[in-house]
Amino acid sequence: MSNKLLEIEQVINSLSLDEQKWLLNRLTEKVKQKSNQILAESNIENQIELMASAPDIQR
């Protein structure tokens, strides 16, 4: 684990329980958003690959 992450963990430990819950909720939302973005980009890439292999589009 990097020193930066250890520092962040120390700061988190100094937060109140309500602040930690708030932070956890925010992080959860950010991870969901990023995951959805990655999935969407992956789906677009798959669709482009399928289109590129379609004989009608190749013509």
Protein backbone atom coordinates (compact mmCIF):
# COMPACT_ATOMS: atom_id res chain seq x y z
CA MET A 1 0.00 0.00 0.00
CA SER A 2 1.32 3.45 -0.86
CA ASN A 3 2.16 6.10 1.72
CA LYS A 4 -0.58 8.29 0.30
CA LEU A 5 -3.20 5.63 0.99
CA LEU A 6 -1.91 5.20 4.52
CA GLU A 7 -2.22 8.95 5.05
CA ILE A 8 -5.77 8.89 3.71
CA GLU A 9 -6.63 6.02 6.04
CA GLN A 10 -5.32 7.99 9.01
CA VAL A 11 -7.42 10.99 8.06
CA ILE A 12 -10.49 8.79 7.63
CA ASN A 13 -9.91 7.32 11.08
CA SER A 14 -9.99 10.82 12.52
CA LEU A 15 -13.43 11.54 11.04
CA SER A 16 -16.63 11.12 12.99
CA LEU A 17 -18.83 8.14 12.24
CA ASP A 18 -21.30 10.33 10.33
CA GLU A 19 -18.47 11.77 8.24
CA GLN A 20 -17.15 8.28 7.52
CA LYS A 21 -20.63 7.13 6.43
CA TRP A 22 -20.97 10.17 4.18
CA LEU A 23 -17.57 9.49 2.66
CA LEU A 24 -18.38 5.82 2.13
CA ASN A 25 -21.61 6.74 0.34
CA ARG A 26 -19.76 9.22 -1.89
CA LEU A 27 -17.07 6.68 -2.73
CA THR A 28 -19.69 4.04 -3.48
CA GLU A 29 -21.45 6.40 -5.89
CA LYS A 30 -18.17 7.35 -7.60
CA VAL A 31 -17.22 3.68 -8.06
CA LYS A 32 -20.67 2.89 -9.50
CA GLN A 33 -20.42 5.81 -11.91
CA LYS A 34 -16.93 4.79 -13.03
CA SER A 35 -18.00 1.15 -13.45
CA ASN A 36 -21.01 2.20 -15.53
CA GLN A 37 -18.80 4.43 -17.66
CA ILE A 38 -16.33 1.60 -18.29
CA LEU A 39 -19.16 -0.79 -19.19
CA ALA A 40 -20.70 1.73 -21.57
CA GLU A 41 -17.36 2.32 -23.30
CA SER A 42 -16.79 -1.43 -23.55
CA ASN A 43 -20.26 -1.93 -25.06
CA ILE A 44 -19.59 0.78 -27.64
CA GLU A 45 -16.29 -0.86 -28.58
CA ASN A 46 -18.02 -4.23 -28.94
CA GLN A 47 -20.71 -2.70 -31.14
CA ILE A 48 -18.07 -1.07 -33.34
CA GLU A 49 -16.26 -4.40 -33.70
CA LEU A 50 -19.51 -6.13 -34.66
CA MET A 51 -20.30 -3.43 -37.18
CA ALA A 52 -16.82 -3.63 -38.66
CA SER A 53 -17.20 -7.36 -39.21
CA ALA A 54 -20.63 -7.01 -40.88
CA PRO A 55 -20.39 -7.60 -44.65
CA ASP A 56 -22.89 -4.84 -45.45
CA ILE A 57 -20.87 -2.27 -43.57
CA GLN A 58 -17.59 -3.49 -45.06
CA ARG A 59 -18.98 -2.71 -48.54
